[in-house]
Amino acid sequence: MNNSVLTVKDNATVVSSPEKTATSLQPTSQPEPPVQVTRTHFFLIMASLWVGNFTAYFNETTATTAMHVIANDFDSLPNQNWLATSYLLGFTVTQTLLGKFADIFGRAQIFNATMFIFAAGTLWCALATVCPLSCV
């Protein structure tokens, strides 16, 4: 026999069993205090999130907008498709890998590693003298 209790609270249906209700009424230990974050630590956390979002938006907008200009500067408009293919292939592969690596190694370490790789890749493309060098 099912002794579940069906109640409606704030337009939500809650189903509870008497065993769980009885144990929840027992006194529990003191709740843990909320995490205390200093003002400086809060702004450091927010700044790191803002930098991550900025680089993601910057990466997406510059890659698609400047692709024609980059190929034109290198006088290799026929190779423009290789720029697009290498960008999309790299982006697609790393999305799935980074999700798994974040589960294994932690999000903070992967975030820092990707920021370093983005900076190194941006520097590599800025110093490229021929179009195939920027596709690597």
C-alpha atoms as a PDB file:
ATOM      1  CA  MET A   1       0.000   0.000   0.000  1.00  0.00           C
ATOM      2  CA  ASN A   2       1.337   3.411  -0.962  1.00  0.00           C
ATOM      3  CA  ASN A   3       1.128   5.945   1.889  1.00  0.00           C
ATOM      4  CA  SER A   4       2.240   8.943  -0.156  1.00  0.00           C
ATOM      5  CA  VAL A   5       0.857  12.356   0.673  1.00  0.00           C
ATOM      6  CA  LEU A   6      -0.094  14.604  -2.214  1.00  0.00           C
ATOM      7  CA  THR A   7      -0.103  18.344  -1.531  1.00  0.00           C
ATOM      8  CA  VAL A   8      -0.262  21.430  -3.695  1.00  0.00           C
ATOM      9  CA  LYS A   9       1.981  24.393  -2.851  1.00  0.00           C
ATOM     10  CA  ASP A  10       2.349  27.486  -5.014  1.00  0.00           C
ATOM     11  CA  ASN A  11       0.876  25.758  -8.092  1.00  0.00           C
ATOM     12  CA  ALA A  12       3.386  22.902  -7.737  1.00  0.00           C
ATOM     13  CA  THR A  13       2.475  19.363  -6.807  1.00  0.00           C
ATOM     14  CA  VAL A  14       4.607  17.813  -4.088  1.00  0.00           C
ATOM     15  CA  VAL A  15       4.541  14.093  -3.388  1.00  0.00           C
ATOM     16  CA  SER A  16       6.115  12.963  -0.143  1.00  0.00           C
ATOM     17  CA  SER A  17       6.113   9.733   1.755  1.00  0.00           C
ATOM     18  CA  PRO A  18       5.475   9.606   5.513  1.00  0.00           C
ATOM     19  CA  GLU A  19       8.936   8.130   6.160  1.00  0.00           C
ATOM     20  CA  LYS A  20      10.699  11.062   4.518  1.00  0.00           C
ATOM     21  CA  THR A  21       8.390  13.569   6.186  1.00  0.00           C
ATOM     22  CA  ALA A  22       9.012  12.095   9.616  1.00  0.00           C
ATOM     23  CA  THR A  23      12.787  12.177   9.195  1.00  0.00           C
ATOM     24  CA  SER A  24      12.726  15.733   7.883  1.00  0.00           C
ATOM     25  CA  LEU A  25      10.979  16.931  11.049  1.00  0.00           C
ATOM     26  CA  GLN A  26      13.810  15.740  13.261  1.00  0.00           C
ATOM     27  CA  PRO A  27      16.238  18.442  14.394  1.00  0.00           C
ATOM     28  CA  THR A  28      19.310  18.673  12.218  1.00  0.00           C
ATOM     29  CA  SER A  29      22.729  20.113  12.834  1.00  0.00           C
ATOM     30  CA  GLN A  30      23.418  23.785  12.255  1.00  0.00           C
ATOM     31  CA  PRO A  31      23.341  24.735   8.565  1.00  0.00           C
ATOM     32  CA  GLU A  32      26.655  25.628   7.035  1.00  0.00           C
ATOM     33  CA  PRO A  33      27.255  29.362   6.748  1.00  0.00           C
ATOM     34  CA  PRO A  34      27.216  30.782   3.244  1.00  0.00           C
ATOM     35  CA  VAL A  35      30.546  31.193   1.529  1.00  0.00           C
ATOM     36  CA  GLN A  36      32.127  34.522   2.362  1.00  0.00           C
ATOM     37  CA  VAL A  37      33.645  36.215  -0.674  1.00  0.00           C
ATOM     38  CA  THR A  38      35.559  39.446  -0.264  1.00  0.00           C
ATOM     39  CA  ARG A  39      34.925  42.337  -2.598  1.00  0.00           C
ATOM     40  CA  THR A  40      38.350  41.945  -4.214  1.00  0.00           C
ATOM     41  CA  HIS A  41      37.868  38.211  -4.733  1.00  0.00           C
ATOM     42  CA  PHE A  42      34.423  38.831  -6.250  1.00  0.00           C
ATOM     43  CA  PHE A  43      35.788  41.326  -8.779  1.00  0.00           C
ATOM     44  CA  LEU A  44      38.652  38.974  -9.623  1.00  0.00           C
ATOM     45  CA  ILE A  45      36.191  36.168 -10.349  1.00  0.00           C
ATOM     46  CA  MET A  46      33.964  38.438 -12.428  1.00  0.00           C
ATOM     47  CA  ALA A  47      36.933  39.859 -14.364  1.00  0.00           C
ATOM     48  CA  SER A  48      38.103  36.374 -15.309  1.00  0.00           C
ATOM     49  CA  LEU A  49      34.600  35.509 -16.553  1.00  0.00           C
ATOM     50  CA  TRP A  50      34.419  38.765 -18.518  1.00  0.00           C
ATOM     51  CA  VAL A  51      37.802  38.093 -20.142  1.00  0.00           C
ATOM     52  CA  GLY A  52      36.657  34.609 -21.136  1.00  0.00           C
ATOM     53  CA  ASN A  53      33.434  35.892 -22.669  1.00  0.00           C
ATOM     54  CA  PHE A  54      35.228  38.730 -24.434  1.00  0.00           C
ATOM     55  CA  THR A  55      37.753  36.390 -26.052  1.00  0.00           C
ATOM     56  CA  ALA A  56      34.985  34.025 -27.182  1.00  0.00           C
ATOM     57  CA  TYR A  57      33.012  36.871 -28.770  1.00  0.00           C
ATOM     58  CA  PHE A  58      36.163  38.409 -30.200  1.00  0.00           C
ATOM     59  CA  ASN A  59      37.185  35.085 -31.719  1.00  0.00           C
ATOM     60  CA  GLU A  60      33.835  34.518 -33.400  1.00  0.00           C
ATOM     61  CA  THR A  61      33.378  38.025 -34.795  1.00  0.00           C
ATOM     62  CA  THR A  62      36.902  38.575 -36.082  1.00  0.00           C
ATOM     63  CA  ALA A  63      37.277  35.159 -37.677  1.00  0.00           C
ATOM     64  CA  THR A  64      34.166  35.455 -39.808  1.00  0.00           C
ATOM     65  CA  THR A  65      34.339  39.173 -40.546  1.00  0.00           C
ATOM     66  CA  ALA A  66      38.022  39.459 -41.395  1.00  0.00           C
ATOM     67  CA  MET A  67      38.450  36.242 -43.370  1.00  0.00           C
ATOM     68  CA  HIS A  68      38.105  37.934 -46.772  1.00  0.00           C
ATOM     69  CA  VAL A  69      40.478  40.748 -45.770  1.00  0.00           C
ATOM     70  CA  ILE A  70      43.074  38.283 -44.468  1.00  0.00           C
ATOM     71  CA  ALA A  71      42.999  36.260 -47.684  1.00  0.00           C
ATOM     72  CA  ASN A  72      43.184  39.468 -49.738  1.00  0.00           C
ATOM     73  CA  ASP A  73      46.225  40.731 -47.807  1.00  0.00           C
ATOM     74  CA  PHE A  74      48.058  37.498 -48.510  1.00  0.00           C
ATOM     75  CA  ASP A  75      47.034  37.624 -52.203  1.00  0.00           C
ATOM     76  CA  SER A  76      45.541  34.177 -51.902  1.00  0.00           C
ATOM     77  CA  LEU A  77      41.799  34.501 -52.327  1.00  0.00           C
ATOM     78  CA  PRO A  78      41.619  30.982 -53.808  1.00  0.00           C
ATOM     79  CA  ASN A  79      42.940  29.632 -50.481  1.00  0.00           C
ATOM     80  CA  GLN A  80      40.249  31.375 -48.440  1.00  0.00           C
ATOM     81  CA  ASN A  81      38.294  28.140 -48.187  1.00  0.00           C
ATOM     82  CA  TRP A  82      41.262  26.562 -46.380  1.00  0.00           C
ATOM     83  CA  LEU A  83      41.111  29.315 -43.754  1.00  0.00           C
ATOM     84  CA  ALA A  84      37.417  28.642 -43.190  1.00  0.00           C
ATOM     85  CA  THR A  85      37.873  24.874 -43.159  1.00  0.00           C
ATOM     86  CA  SER A  86      40.776  24.938 -40.695  1.00  0.00           C
ATOM     87  CA  TYR A  87      38.917  27.334 -38.399  1.00  0.00           C
ATOM     88  CA  LEU A  88      35.670  25.331 -38.363  1.00  0.00           C
ATOM     89  CA  LEU A  89      37.419  21.977 -38.058  1.00  0.00           C
ATOM     90  CA  GLY A  90      39.551  23.168 -35.167  1.00  0.00           C
ATOM     91  CA  PHE A  91      36.581  24.755 -33.434  1.00  0.00           C
ATOM     92  CA  THR A  92      34.408  21.642 -33.809  1.00  0.00           C
ATOM     93  CA  VAL A  93      37.054  19.228 -32.572  1.00  0.00           C
ATOM     94  CA  THR A  94      38.083  21.289 -29.574  1.00  0.00           C
ATOM     95  CA  GLN A  95      34.512  21.830 -28.328  1.00  0.00           C
ATOM     96  CA  THR A  96      33.956  18.148 -27.635  1.00  0.00           C
ATOM     97  CA  LEU A  97      37.440  17.561 -26.265  1.00  0.00           C
ATOM     98  CA  LEU A  98      37.365  20.561 -23.939  1.00  0.00           C
ATOM     99  CA  GLY A  99      34.074  19.439 -22.427  1.00  0.00           C
ATOM    100  CA  LYS A 100      35.558  16.064 -21.510  1.00  0.00           C
ATOM    101  CA  PHE A 101      38.847  17.601 -20.330  1.00  0.00           C
ATOM    102  CA  ALA A 102      36.904  20.018 -18.110  1.00  0.00           C
ATOM    103  CA  ASP A 103      35.209  17.036 -16.462  1.00  0.00           C
ATOM    104  CA  ILE A 104      38.556  15.321 -15.920  1.00  0.00           C
ATOM    105  CA  PHE A 105      40.916  18.170 -15.002  1.00  0.00           C
ATOM    106  CA  GLY A 106      38.537  20.847 -13.741  1.00  0.00           C
ATOM    107  CA  ARG A 107      37.060  23.893 -15.388  1.00  0.00           C
ATOM    108  CA  ALA A 108      39.535  26.408 -13.984  1.00  0.00           C
ATOM    109  CA  GLN A 109      42.595  24.637 -15.382  1.00  0.00           C
ATOM    110  CA  ILE A 110      40.991  24.153 -18.786  1.00  0.00           C
ATOM    111  CA  PHE A 111      39.843  27.795 -18.830  1.00  0.00           C
ATOM    112  CA  ASN A 112      43.386  29.010 -18.128  1.00  0.00           C
ATOM    113  CA  ALA A 113      44.874  26.637 -20.698  1.00  0.00           C
ATOM    114  CA  THR A 114      42.448  27.765 -23.399  1.00  0.00           C
ATOM    115  CA  MET A 115      43.187  31.429 -22.660  1.00  0.00           C
ATOM    116  CA  PHE A 116      46.895  30.695 -23.136  1.00  0.00           C
ATOM    117  CA  ILE A 117      46.282  28.742 -26.353  1.00  0.00           C
ATOM    118  CA  PHE A 118      44.058  31.537 -27.699  1.00  0.00           C
ATOM    119  CA  ALA A 119      46.744  34.136 -26.971  1.00  0.00           C
ATOM    120  CA  ALA A 120      49.454  31.999 -28.584  1.00  0.00           C
ATOM    121  CA  GLY A 121      47.300  31.306 -31.651  1.00  0.00           C
ATOM    122  CA  THR A 122      46.430  34.967 -32.038  1.00  0.00           C
ATOM    123  CA  LEU A 123      50.095  35.898 -31.849  1.00  0.00           C
ATOM    124  CA  TRP A 124      50.961  33.157 -34.372  1.00  0.00           C
ATOM    125  CA  CYS A 125      48.392  34.471 -36.863  1.00  0.00           C
ATOM    126  CA  ALA A 126      49.483  38.073 -36.300  1.00  0.00           C
ATOM    127  CA  LEU A 127      53.088  37.174 -37.161  1.00  0.00           C
ATOM    128  CA  ALA A 128      52.172  35.050 -40.202  1.00  0.00           C
ATOM    129  CA  THR A 129      53.719  36.224 -43.452  1.00  0.00           C
ATOM    130  CA  VAL A 130      51.927  33.851 -45.847  1.00  0.00           C
ATOM    131  CA  CYS A 131      48.390  32.476 -45.856  1.00  0.00           C
ATOM    132  CA  PRO A 132      49.243  28.771 -45.351  1.00  0.00           C
ATOM    133  CA  LEU A 133      51.159  29.699 -42.202  1.00  0.00           C
ATOM    134  CA  SER A 134      47.998  31.133 -40.649  1.00  0.00           C
ATOM    135  CA  CYS A 135      46.096  27.904 -41.451  1.00  0.00           C
ATOM    136  CA  VAL A 136      48.411  25.789 -39.311  1.00  0.00           C
END
